[in-house]
């Protein structure tokens, strides 16, 4: 492995570790505030276990770069297909050609805007393609023991589910519609100080 690839791998490991540490701190802060308010505290994930699992994944991929390169090539191709489809027309209300569809029963993307609006449809497809890529990478790690692969898959699914565009006001068409139609009343209640 070249020095630049090793540096990139070390940089990626450091970024993952920093991400997990920030997540742990935020979760502990949130949990501490809830304890002060008398609410049940959230069980914090042991980030050392998560870090150890993804460190094993990174080490395996460092020794088998062809697996990651093949997956990266497919991901870049899928991203390019989504982008080309999104740019193929100027009407944002004309759906784009699907590269990937939500799995049957995935209710997160049930709002018609995810299908009918070019921007939301593209955002959904980027998320689903990224989730599939992550799952495919983890499934390709046949040299790792099954338990580590299972843990990596579980943690990756949790992170990707948390990052779904349906979980954010600015990227959820149903939440945007609710905010507009209600004049923002539910959000004003959420963000106003307790009485």
N, C-alpha and C. Protein backbone atom coordinates (compact mmCIF):
# COMPACT_ATOMS: atom_id res chain seq x y z
N UNK A 1 0.85 -1.17 0.00
CA UNK A 1 0.00 0.00 0.00
C UNK A 1 0.89 1.23 0.00
N UNK A 2 0.52 2.22 -0.82
CA UNK A 2 1.32 3.43 -0.91
C UNK A 2 1.16 4.28 0.35
N UNK A 3 2.13 5.20 0.53
CA UNK A 3 2.07 6.09 1.69
C UNK A 3 0.83 6.96 1.65
N UNK A 4 0.43 7.41 0.44
CA UNK A 4 -0.75 8.27 0.34
C UNK A 4 -2.02 7.49 0.71
N UNK A 5 -2.09 6.22 0.34
CA UNK A 5 -3.25 5.39 0.71
C UNK A 5 -3.27 5.16 2.22
N UNK A 6 -2.09 4.93 2.80
CA UNK A 6 -2.01 4.74 4.26
C UNK A 6 -2.40 6.02 4.99
N UNK A 7 -1.96 7.17 4.46
CA UNK A 7 -2.34 8.45 5.06
C UNK A 7 -3.84 8.67 4.96
N UNK A 8 -4.41 8.33 3.81
CA UNK A 8 -5.86 8.48 3.63
C UNK A 8 -6.61 7.58 4.59
N UNK A 9 -6.11 6.36 4.78
CA UNK A 9 -6.75 5.42 5.71
C UNK A 9 -6.67 5.94 7.14
N UNK A 10 -5.51 6.44 7.53
CA UNK A 10 -5.34 6.99 8.88
C UNK A 10 -6.24 8.20 9.08
N UNK A 11 -6.36 9.03 8.05
CA UNK A 11 -7.22 10.21 8.12
C UNK A 11 -8.68 9.78 8.26
N UNK A 12 -9.10 8.77 7.51
CA UNK A 12 -10.49 8.28 7.60
C UNK A 12 -10.76 7.71 9.00
N UNK A 13 -9.80 6.95 9.53
CA UNK A 13 -9.97 6.41 10.89
C UNK A 13 -10.10 7.53 11.92
N UNK A 14 -9.30 8.57 11.78
CA UNK A 14 -9.36 9.70 12.70
C UNK A 14 -10.71 10.41 12.59
N UNK A 15 -11.21 10.55 11.37
CA UNK A 15 -12.51 11.21 11.17
C UNK A 15 -13.63 10.39 11.80
N UNK A 16 -13.60 9.05 11.62
CA UNK A 16 -14.61 8.19 12.24
C UNK A 16 -14.55 8.31 13.76
N UNK A 17 -13.34 8.29 14.30
CA UNK A 17 -13.19 8.38 15.76
C UNK A 17 -13.72 9.71 16.27
N UNK A 18 -13.43 10.80 15.55
CA UNK A 18 -13.92 12.12 15.96
C UNK A 18 -15.44 12.17 15.88
N UNK A 19 -16.01 11.57 14.83
CA UNK A 19 -17.47 11.53 14.70
C UNK A 19 -18.10 10.78 15.86
N UNK A 20 -17.56 9.63 16.20
CA UNK A 20 -18.11 8.85 17.31
C UNK A 20 -17.96 9.60 18.63
N UNK A 21 -16.84 10.27 18.82
CA UNK A 21 -16.63 11.02 20.06
C UNK A 21 -17.62 12.17 20.16
N UNK A 22 -17.81 12.92 19.08
CA UNK A 22 -18.80 14.01 19.10
C UNK A 22 -20.20 13.46 19.38
N UNK A 23 -20.55 12.35 18.76
CA UNK A 23 -21.87 11.73 18.98
C UNK A 23 -22.03 11.32 20.43
N UNK A 24 -20.98 10.74 20.99
CA UNK A 24 -21.04 10.31 22.39
C UNK A 24 -21.25 11.50 23.32
N UNK A 25 -20.48 12.58 23.08
CA UNK A 25 -20.60 13.77 23.93
C UNK A 25 -22.00 14.38 23.83
N UNK A 26 -22.53 14.48 22.60
CA UNK A 26 -23.86 15.05 22.42
C UNK A 26 -24.92 14.19 23.11
N UNK A 27 -24.79 12.88 22.99
CA UNK A 27 -25.75 11.98 23.62
C UNK A 27 -25.68 12.10 25.13
N UNK A 28 -24.48 12.17 25.67
CA UNK A 28 -24.34 12.32 27.12
C UNK A 28 -24.90 13.66 27.60
N UNK A 29 -24.68 14.73 26.83
CA UNK A 29 -25.25 16.02 27.20
C UNK A 29 -26.77 15.94 27.23
N UNK A 30 -27.33 15.36 26.19
CA UNK A 30 -28.79 15.22 26.09
C UNK A 30 -29.32 14.38 27.24
N UNK A 31 -28.63 13.29 27.50
CA UNK A 31 -29.04 12.40 28.58
C UNK A 31 -28.96 13.10 29.93
N UNK A 32 -27.90 13.88 30.15
CA UNK A 32 -27.74 14.61 31.40
C UNK A 32 -28.84 15.64 31.60
N UNK A 33 -29.21 16.35 30.53
CA UNK A 33 -30.31 17.31 30.64
C UNK A 33 -31.61 16.61 31.00
N UNK A 34 -31.85 15.44 30.42
CA UNK A 34 -33.08 14.70 30.73
C UNK A 34 -33.09 14.23 32.17
N UNK A 35 -31.93 13.80 32.68
CA UNK A 35 -31.86 13.38 34.09
C UNK A 35 -32.19 14.55 35.00
N UNK A 36 -31.69 15.73 34.67
CA UNK A 36 -31.98 16.92 35.48
C UNK A 36 -33.46 17.26 35.46
N UNK A 37 -34.13 16.94 34.35
CA UNK A 37 -35.57 17.21 34.23
C UNK A 37 -36.40 16.05 34.76
N UNK A 38 -35.77 15.04 35.34
CA UNK A 38 -36.49 13.91 35.90
C UNK A 38 -36.92 12.87 34.89
N UNK A 39 -36.47 12.99 33.65
CA UNK A 39 -36.83 12.01 32.63
C UNK A 39 -35.84 10.86 32.64
N UNK A 40 -36.28 9.74 32.09
CA UNK A 40 -35.40 8.57 32.02
C UNK A 40 -34.26 8.88 31.05
N UNK A 41 -33.06 8.57 31.45
CA UNK A 41 -31.89 8.85 30.62
C UNK A 41 -31.77 7.84 29.49
N UNK A 42 -31.23 8.29 28.38
CA UNK A 42 -30.97 7.44 27.24
C UNK A 42 -29.73 6.60 27.52
N UNK A 43 -29.78 5.34 27.17
CA UNK A 43 -28.60 4.48 27.32
C UNK A 43 -27.60 4.86 26.23
N UNK A 44 -26.42 5.25 26.63
CA UNK A 44 -25.40 5.68 25.68
C UNK A 44 -24.68 4.45 25.14
N UNK A 45 -24.49 4.45 23.83
CA UNK A 45 -23.77 3.37 23.18
C UNK A 45 -22.31 3.45 23.59
N UNK A 46 -21.71 2.31 23.82
CA UNK A 46 -20.28 2.27 24.15
C UNK A 46 -19.51 2.54 22.86
N UNK A 47 -19.04 3.77 22.71
CA UNK A 47 -18.38 4.15 21.47
C UNK A 47 -17.05 3.42 21.27
N UNK A 48 -16.47 2.91 22.35
CA UNK A 48 -15.23 2.15 22.20
C UNK A 48 -15.48 0.85 21.43
N UNK A 49 -16.62 0.24 21.68
CA UNK A 49 -16.96 -0.99 20.94
C UNK A 49 -17.20 -0.66 19.47
N UNK A 50 -17.95 0.41 19.22
CA UNK A 50 -18.23 0.82 17.84
C UNK A 50 -16.92 1.16 17.13
N UNK A 51 -16.07 1.94 17.81
CA UNK A 51 -14.78 2.30 17.21
C UNK A 51 -13.95 1.07 16.90
N UNK A 52 -13.93 0.12 17.83
CA UNK A 52 -13.15 -1.09 17.63
C UNK A 52 -13.66 -1.88 16.42
N UNK A 53 -14.98 -1.96 16.29
CA UNK A 53 -15.57 -2.70 15.15
C UNK A 53 -15.16 -2.02 13.84
N UNK A 54 -15.33 -0.68 13.76
CA UNK A 54 -15.00 -0.01 12.51
C UNK A 54 -13.49 0.07 12.28
N UNK A 55 -12.71 -0.01 13.33
CA UNK A 55 -11.26 -0.10 13.15
C UNK A 55 -10.89 -1.43 12.50
N UNK A 56 -11.57 -2.51 12.90
CA UNK A 56 -11.34 -3.81 12.26
C UNK A 56 -11.75 -3.76 10.80
N UNK A 57 -12.88 -3.11 10.52
CA UNK A 57 -13.34 -2.97 9.14
C UNK A 57 -12.31 -2.19 8.33
N UNK A 58 -11.84 -1.06 8.87
CA UNK A 58 -10.85 -0.24 8.16
C UNK A 58 -9.56 -1.01 7.92
N UNK A 59 -9.12 -1.77 8.93
CA UNK A 59 -7.89 -2.56 8.77
C UNK A 59 -8.06 -3.61 7.68
N UNK A 60 -9.22 -4.25 7.65
CA UNK A 60 -9.47 -5.26 6.61
C UNK A 60 -9.46 -4.60 5.23
N UNK A 61 -10.13 -3.45 5.11
CA UNK A 61 -10.18 -2.77 3.82
C UNK A 61 -8.81 -2.26 3.40
N UNK A 62 -7.97 -1.89 4.37
CA UNK A 62 -6.60 -1.46 4.06
C UNK A 62 -5.83 -2.62 3.41
N UNK A 63 -6.06 -3.83 3.91
CA UNK A 63 -5.37 -4.99 3.37
C UNK A 63 -6.03 -5.55 2.11
N UNK A 64 -7.27 -5.11 1.82
CA UNK A 64 -8.01 -5.58 0.64
C UNK A 64 -8.62 -4.38 -0.09
N UNK A 65 -7.78 -3.48 -0.58
CA UNK A 65 -8.29 -2.24 -1.18
C UNK A 65 -9.15 -2.48 -2.42
N UNK A 66 -8.98 -3.62 -3.06
CA UNK A 66 -9.77 -3.91 -4.27
C UNK A 66 -11.26 -3.99 -3.96
N UNK A 67 -11.61 -4.45 -2.76
CA UNK A 67 -13.03 -4.55 -2.38
C UNK A 67 -13.64 -3.16 -2.26
N UNK A 68 -12.92 -2.27 -1.59
CA UNK A 68 -13.42 -0.90 -1.43
C UNK A 68 -13.42 -0.18 -2.78
N UNK A 69 -12.38 -0.39 -3.57
CA UNK A 69 -12.31 0.29 -4.88
C UNK A 69 -13.48 -0.13 -5.77
N UNK A 70 -13.81 -1.41 -5.78
CA UNK A 70 -14.93 -1.88 -6.61
C UNK A 70 -16.25 -1.27 -6.11
N UNK A 71 -16.42 -1.23 -4.80
CA UNK A 71 -17.64 -0.65 -4.24
C UNK A 71 -17.70 0.85 -4.53
N UNK A 72 -16.56 1.54 -4.41
CA UNK A 72 -16.51 2.97 -4.68
C UNK A 72 -16.85 3.25 -6.15
N UNK A 73 -16.36 2.39 -7.03
CA UNK A 73 -16.63 2.55 -8.46
C UNK A 73 -18.14 2.43 -8.72
N UNK A 74 -18.78 1.43 -8.12
CA UNK A 74 -20.24 1.27 -8.28
C UNK A 74 -20.99 2.47 -7.70
N UNK A 75 -20.56 2.94 -6.52
CA UNK A 75 -21.21 4.08 -5.89
C UNK A 75 -21.10 5.32 -6.76
N UNK A 76 -19.91 5.59 -7.27
CA UNK A 76 -19.72 6.77 -8.13
C UNK A 76 -20.58 6.66 -9.39
N UNK A 77 -20.69 5.45 -9.94
CA UNK A 77 -21.55 5.25 -11.11
C UNK A 77 -23.01 5.51 -10.80
N UNK A 78 -23.46 5.02 -9.65
CA UNK A 78 -24.86 5.25 -9.25
C UNK A 78 -25.10 6.74 -8.99
N UNK A 79 -24.16 7.41 -8.32
CA UNK A 79 -24.30 8.85 -8.08
C UNK A 79 -24.39 9.59 -9.42
N UNK A 80 -23.55 9.22 -10.37
CA UNK A 80 -23.57 9.87 -11.68
C UNK A 80 -24.90 9.65 -12.39
N UNK A 81 -25.46 8.44 -12.29
CA UNK A 81 -26.77 8.16 -12.91
C UNK A 81 -27.85 9.02 -12.28
N UNK A 82 -27.83 9.13 -10.96
CA UNK A 82 -28.85 9.95 -10.28
C UNK A 82 -28.70 11.41 -10.72
N UNK A 83 -27.47 11.92 -10.70
CA UNK A 83 -27.22 13.30 -11.07
C UNK A 83 -27.65 13.57 -12.51
N UNK A 84 -27.29 12.69 -13.44
CA UNK A 84 -27.65 12.87 -14.84
C UNK A 84 -29.17 12.87 -15.00
N UNK A 85 -29.83 12.01 -14.29
CA UNK A 85 -31.29 11.95 -14.36
C UNK A 85 -31.92 13.21 -13.78
N UNK A 86 -31.35 13.71 -12.69
CA UNK A 86 -31.87 14.94 -12.08
C UNK A 86 -31.69 16.14 -13.02
N UNK A 87 -30.61 16.16 -13.78
CA UNK A 87 -30.31 17.29 -14.65
C UNK A 87 -30.93 17.15 -16.03
N UNK A 88 -31.58 16.03 -16.31
CA UNK A 88 -32.11 15.77 -17.64
C UNK A 88 -33.26 16.70 -18.02
N UNK A 89 -33.94 17.26 -17.09
CA UNK A 89 -35.05 18.16 -17.40
C UNK A 89 -35.05 19.33 -16.45
N UNK A 90 -35.81 20.34 -16.81
CA UNK A 90 -35.82 21.54 -15.97
C UNK A 90 -37.02 21.60 -15.04
N UNK A 91 -38.01 20.75 -15.23
CA UNK A 91 -39.21 20.80 -14.40
C UNK A 91 -38.99 19.99 -13.12
N UNK A 92 -38.94 20.66 -11.94
CA UNK A 92 -38.67 19.93 -10.70
C UNK A 92 -39.79 18.98 -10.29
N UNK A 93 -40.97 19.11 -10.94
CA UNK A 93 -42.08 18.22 -10.59
C UNK A 93 -42.16 16.99 -11.48
N UNK A 94 -41.21 16.82 -12.37
CA UNK A 94 -41.16 15.61 -13.20
C UNK A 94 -40.21 14.64 -12.53
N UNK A 95 -40.71 13.45 -12.16
CA UNK A 95 -39.84 12.50 -11.44
C UNK A 95 -38.61 12.11 -12.26
N UNK A 96 -37.58 11.73 -11.56
CA UNK A 96 -36.37 11.28 -12.25
C UNK A 96 -36.41 9.76 -12.39
N UNK A 97 -35.65 9.27 -13.35
CA UNK A 97 -35.59 7.83 -13.56
C UNK A 97 -34.94 7.18 -12.34
N UNK A 98 -35.58 6.16 -11.77
CA UNK A 98 -35.03 5.58 -10.54
C UNK A 98 -33.78 4.73 -10.78
N UNK A 99 -32.79 4.96 -9.97
CA UNK A 99 -31.61 4.10 -9.91
C UNK A 99 -31.87 3.04 -8.84
N UNK A 100 -32.60 3.45 -7.80
CA UNK A 100 -32.92 2.56 -6.68
C UNK A 100 -34.27 3.00 -6.12
N UNK A 101 -35.01 2.08 -5.59
CA UNK A 101 -36.31 2.35 -4.98
C UNK A 101 -36.25 1.95 -3.50
N UNK A 102 -37.08 2.57 -2.67
CA UNK A 102 -37.13 2.12 -1.28
C UNK A 102 -37.60 0.67 -1.22
N UNK A 103 -37.14 -0.05 -0.22
CA UNK A 103 -37.59 -1.44 -0.06
C UNK A 103 -39.09 -1.44 0.23
N UNK A 104 -39.73 -2.50 -0.15
CA UNK A 104 -41.16 -2.64 0.13
C UNK A 104 -41.38 -2.53 1.64
N UNK A 105 -42.33 -1.69 2.03
CA UNK A 105 -42.61 -1.51 3.44
C UNK A 105 -41.83 -0.39 4.11
N UNK A 106 -40.92 0.26 3.39
CA UNK A 106 -40.16 1.38 3.95
C UNK A 106 -41.07 2.61 3.92
N UNK A 107 -41.68 2.92 5.05
CA UNK A 107 -42.67 4.00 5.11
C UNK A 107 -42.04 5.38 5.20
N UNK A 108 -40.74 5.45 5.40
CA UNK A 108 -40.09 6.76 5.51
C UNK A 108 -40.33 7.61 4.28
N UNK A 109 -40.41 6.98 3.12
CA UNK A 109 -40.52 7.70 1.86
C UNK A 109 -41.90 7.54 1.23
N UNK A 110 -42.93 7.45 2.06
CA UNK A 110 -44.30 7.22 1.55
C UNK A 110 -44.97 8.50 1.05
N UNK A 111 -44.49 9.67 1.50
CA UNK A 111 -45.08 10.91 1.01
C UNK A 111 -44.89 10.98 -0.51
N UNK A 112 -45.93 11.34 -1.26
CA UNK A 112 -45.82 11.39 -2.73
C UNK A 112 -44.69 12.28 -3.25
N UNK A 113 -44.30 13.30 -2.50
CA UNK A 113 -43.23 14.19 -2.96
C UNK A 113 -41.91 13.45 -3.14
N UNK A 114 -41.68 12.40 -2.38
CA UNK A 114 -40.44 11.62 -2.55
C UNK A 114 -40.40 10.97 -3.93
N UNK A 115 -41.55 10.70 -4.49
CA UNK A 115 -41.63 10.08 -5.81
C UNK A 115 -41.80 11.14 -6.90
N UNK A 116 -42.61 12.17 -6.62
CA UNK A 116 -43.05 13.09 -7.66
C UNK A 116 -42.16 14.32 -7.85
N UNK A 117 -41.44 14.73 -6.83
CA UNK A 117 -40.60 15.92 -6.93
C UNK A 117 -39.17 15.51 -7.22
N UNK A 118 -38.64 16.05 -8.28
CA UNK A 118 -37.29 15.69 -8.75
C UNK A 118 -36.23 15.87 -7.67
N UNK A 119 -36.28 16.95 -6.91
CA UNK A 119 -35.25 17.20 -5.90
C UNK A 119 -35.36 16.22 -4.73
N UNK A 120 -36.58 16.03 -4.22
CA UNK A 120 -36.74 15.09 -3.11
C UNK A 120 -36.47 13.65 -3.57
N UNK A 121 -36.87 13.33 -4.80
CA UNK A 121 -36.62 11.99 -5.31
C UNK A 121 -35.12 11.73 -5.42
N UNK A 122 -34.38 12.73 -5.92
CA UNK A 122 -32.93 12.58 -6.02
C UNK A 122 -32.28 12.42 -4.66
N UNK A 123 -32.72 13.23 -3.70
CA UNK A 123 -32.20 13.15 -2.34
C UNK A 123 -32.45 11.76 -1.75
N UNK A 124 -33.67 11.24 -1.95
CA UNK A 124 -34.01 9.90 -1.46
C UNK A 124 -33.08 8.86 -2.11
N UNK A 125 -32.92 8.98 -3.44
CA UNK A 125 -32.08 8.00 -4.13
C UNK A 125 -30.63 8.07 -3.69
N UNK A 126 -30.10 9.27 -3.49
CA UNK A 126 -28.72 9.38 -2.98
C UNK A 126 -28.60 8.68 -1.62
N UNK A 127 -29.56 8.89 -0.75
CA UNK A 127 -29.52 8.25 0.56
C UNK A 127 -29.59 6.72 0.43
N UNK A 128 -30.52 6.23 -0.38
CA UNK A 128 -30.70 4.78 -0.51
C UNK A 128 -29.48 4.12 -1.17
N UNK A 129 -28.91 4.78 -2.16
CA UNK A 129 -27.72 4.24 -2.83
C UNK A 129 -26.54 4.20 -1.86
N UNK A 130 -26.41 5.24 -1.04
CA UNK A 130 -25.32 5.27 -0.05
C UNK A 130 -25.51 4.16 0.98
N UNK A 131 -26.74 3.97 1.43
CA UNK A 131 -27.03 2.90 2.40
C UNK A 131 -26.73 1.53 1.79
N UNK A 132 -27.12 1.34 0.54
CA UNK A 132 -26.84 0.06 -0.13
C UNK A 132 -25.33 -0.14 -0.29
N UNK A 133 -24.62 0.93 -0.65
CA UNK A 133 -23.18 0.84 -0.80
C UNK A 133 -22.53 0.41 0.52
N UNK A 134 -22.93 1.06 1.63
CA UNK A 134 -22.36 0.72 2.93
C UNK A 134 -22.64 -0.74 3.27
N UNK A 135 -23.87 -1.17 3.05
CA UNK A 135 -24.22 -2.57 3.32
C UNK A 135 -23.41 -3.52 2.45
N UNK A 136 -23.28 -3.19 1.16
CA UNK A 136 -22.50 -4.04 0.25
C UNK A 136 -21.04 -4.14 0.67
N UNK A 137 -20.46 -3.00 1.09
CA UNK A 137 -19.06 -3.02 1.53
C UNK A 137 -18.92 -3.95 2.73
N UNK A 138 -19.81 -3.82 3.69
CA UNK A 138 -19.72 -4.64 4.90
C UNK A 138 -19.94 -6.12 4.57
N UNK A 139 -20.90 -6.40 3.70
CA UNK A 139 -21.17 -7.79 3.32
C UNK A 139 -19.99 -8.40 2.56
N UNK A 140 -19.19 -7.57 1.89
CA UNK A 140 -18.05 -8.09 1.11
C UNK A 140 -16.86 -8.46 1.98
N UNK A 141 -16.93 -8.18 3.26
CA UNK A 141 -15.80 -8.41 4.16
C UNK A 141 -15.75 -9.86 4.61
N UNK A 142 -15.66 -10.76 3.67
CA UNK A 142 -15.73 -12.19 3.97
C UNK A 142 -14.55 -12.69 4.80
N UNK A 143 -13.50 -11.91 4.90
CA UNK A 143 -12.36 -12.31 5.73
C UNK A 143 -12.52 -11.93 7.19
N UNK A 144 -13.52 -11.12 7.51
CA UNK A 144 -13.79 -10.78 8.91
C UNK A 144 -14.70 -11.85 9.52
N UNK A 145 -14.60 -12.00 10.82
CA UNK A 145 -15.48 -12.97 11.45
C UNK A 145 -16.93 -12.48 11.38
N UNK A 146 -17.87 -13.41 11.42
CA UNK A 146 -19.29 -13.11 11.23
C UNK A 146 -19.82 -12.13 12.28
N UNK A 147 -19.36 -12.26 13.51
CA UNK A 147 -19.85 -11.39 14.59
C UNK A 147 -19.45 -9.93 14.33
N UNK A 148 -18.20 -9.72 13.94
CA UNK A 148 -17.74 -8.36 13.65
C UNK A 148 -18.51 -7.79 12.46
N UNK A 149 -18.71 -8.61 11.43
CA UNK A 149 -19.48 -8.17 10.26
C UNK A 149 -20.91 -7.80 10.66
N UNK A 150 -21.51 -8.63 11.51
CA UNK A 150 -22.87 -8.34 11.99
C UNK A 150 -22.92 -7.03 12.76
N UNK A 151 -21.96 -6.83 13.66
CA UNK A 151 -21.92 -5.60 14.44
C UNK A 151 -21.72 -4.39 13.53
N UNK A 152 -20.80 -4.49 12.59
CA UNK A 152 -20.55 -3.38 11.67
C UNK A 152 -21.80 -3.06 10.86
N UNK A 153 -22.50 -4.09 10.40
CA UNK A 153 -23.74 -3.88 9.67
C UNK A 153 -24.79 -3.20 10.52
N UNK A 154 -24.92 -3.64 11.76
CA UNK A 154 -25.90 -3.06 12.68
C UNK A 154 -25.59 -1.58 12.93
N UNK A 155 -24.33 -1.27 13.28
CA UNK A 155 -23.97 0.11 13.58
C UNK A 155 -24.12 1.00 12.35
N UNK A 156 -23.74 0.48 11.19
CA UNK A 156 -23.87 1.26 9.95
C UNK A 156 -25.33 1.55 9.65
N UNK A 157 -26.20 0.55 9.81
CA UNK A 157 -27.64 0.76 9.56
C UNK A 157 -28.20 1.80 10.52
N UNK A 158 -27.77 1.77 11.78
CA UNK A 158 -28.26 2.74 12.75
C UNK A 158 -27.84 4.16 12.36
N UNK A 159 -26.57 4.31 11.96
CA UNK A 159 -26.08 5.63 11.57
C UNK A 159 -26.80 6.12 10.32
N UNK A 160 -26.94 5.24 9.33
CA UNK A 160 -27.58 5.65 8.08
C UNK A 160 -29.06 5.94 8.29
N UNK A 161 -29.71 5.18 9.16
CA UNK A 161 -31.13 5.47 9.46
C UNK A 161 -31.26 6.83 10.14
N UNK A 162 -30.35 7.12 11.03
CA UNK A 162 -30.38 8.41 11.72
C UNK A 162 -30.14 9.56 10.75
N UNK A 163 -29.36 9.32 9.71
CA UNK A 163 -29.04 10.37 8.74
C UNK A 163 -30.02 10.43 7.57
N UNK A 164 -31.09 9.66 7.62
CA UNK A 164 -32.09 9.67 6.55
C UNK A 164 -32.63 11.08 6.36
N UNK A 165 -32.83 11.51 5.11
CA UNK A 165 -33.37 12.85 4.88
C UNK A 165 -34.77 13.04 5.47
N UNK A 166 -35.45 11.95 5.78
CA UNK A 166 -36.77 12.07 6.40
C UNK A 166 -36.69 12.58 7.82
N UNK A 167 -35.51 12.55 8.43
CA UNK A 167 -35.35 12.94 9.83
C UNK A 167 -35.03 14.42 10.03
N UNK A 168 -34.99 15.19 8.96
CA UNK A 168 -34.60 16.58 9.06
C UNK A 168 -35.66 17.47 8.41
N UNK A 169 -36.01 18.54 9.09
CA UNK A 169 -37.05 19.44 8.60
C UNK A 169 -36.78 19.91 7.18
N UNK A 170 -35.57 20.35 6.90
CA UNK A 170 -35.25 20.94 5.60
C UNK A 170 -35.29 19.94 4.46
N UNK A 171 -35.24 18.65 4.77
CA UNK A 171 -35.20 17.63 3.71
C UNK A 171 -36.36 16.65 3.81
N UNK A 172 -37.41 17.01 4.50
CA UNK A 172 -38.58 16.14 4.64
C UNK A 172 -39.80 16.89 4.10
N UNK A 173 -40.32 16.48 2.94
CA UNK A 173 -41.42 17.24 2.34
C UNK A 173 -42.69 17.28 3.21
N UNK A 174 -42.97 16.21 3.92
CA UNK A 174 -44.16 16.21 4.79
C UNK A 174 -43.98 17.21 5.94
N UNK A 175 -42.80 17.28 6.51
CA UNK A 175 -42.53 18.23 7.60
C UNK A 175 -42.58 19.67 7.08
N UNK A 176 -42.05 19.89 5.88
CA UNK A 176 -42.09 21.23 5.29
C UNK A 176 -43.54 21.64 5.05
N UNK A 177 -44.35 20.72 4.49
CA UNK A 177 -45.75 21.01 4.24
C UNK A 177 -46.48 21.32 5.54
N UNK A 178 -46.21 20.56 6.59
CA UNK A 178 -46.83 20.80 7.90
C UNK A 178 -46.43 22.17 8.44
N UNK A 179 -45.17 22.52 8.28
CA UNK A 179 -44.70 23.82 8.76
C UNK A 179 -45.40 24.96 8.02
N UNK A 180 -45.54 24.81 6.72
CA UNK A 180 -46.16 25.86 5.91
C UNK A 180 -47.66 25.94 6.21
N UNK A 181 -48.34 24.80 6.20
CA UNK A 181 -49.80 24.82 6.36
C UNK A 181 -50.24 25.24 7.76
N UNK A 182 -49.42 25.02 8.76
CA UNK A 182 -49.78 25.38 10.13
C UNK A 182 -49.20 26.72 10.57
N UNK A 183 -48.51 27.36 9.67
CA UNK A 183 -47.84 28.60 10.05
C UNK A 183 -46.70 28.37 11.03
N UNK A 184 -46.22 27.15 11.11
CA UNK A 184 -45.09 26.83 11.98
C UNK A 184 -45.47 26.58 13.42
N UNK A 185 -46.77 26.45 13.71
CA UNK A 185 -47.22 26.30 15.10
C UNK A 185 -46.58 25.12 15.84
N UNK A 186 -46.51 23.90 15.25
CA UNK A 186 -45.89 22.80 16.00
C UNK A 186 -44.43 23.07 16.33
N UNK A 187 -43.73 23.75 15.43
CA UNK A 187 -42.31 24.01 15.64
C UNK A 187 -42.11 25.10 16.68
N UNK A 188 -43.01 26.07 16.69
CA UNK A 188 -42.92 27.11 17.70
C UNK A 188 -43.09 26.50 19.09
N UNK A 189 -43.99 25.52 19.22
CA UNK A 189 -44.17 24.86 20.51
C UNK A 189 -42.93 24.07 20.89
N UNK A 190 -42.31 23.42 19.92
CA UNK A 190 -41.11 22.63 20.19
C UNK A 190 -39.96 23.49 20.69
N UNK A 191 -39.79 24.65 20.08
CA UNK A 191 -38.62 25.47 20.36
C UNK A 191 -38.85 26.52 21.42
N UNK A 192 -40.07 26.64 21.91
CA UNK A 192 -40.29 27.65 22.94
C UNK A 192 -39.90 27.07 24.30
N UNK A 193 -39.44 27.94 25.21
CA UNK A 193 -39.02 27.44 26.52
C UNK A 193 -40.21 26.86 27.30
N UNK A 194 -39.96 25.85 28.14
CA UNK A 194 -41.05 25.27 28.91
C UNK A 194 -41.63 26.31 29.87
N UNK A 195 -42.92 26.18 30.11
CA UNK A 195 -43.59 27.14 31.02
C UNK A 195 -43.59 26.63 32.42
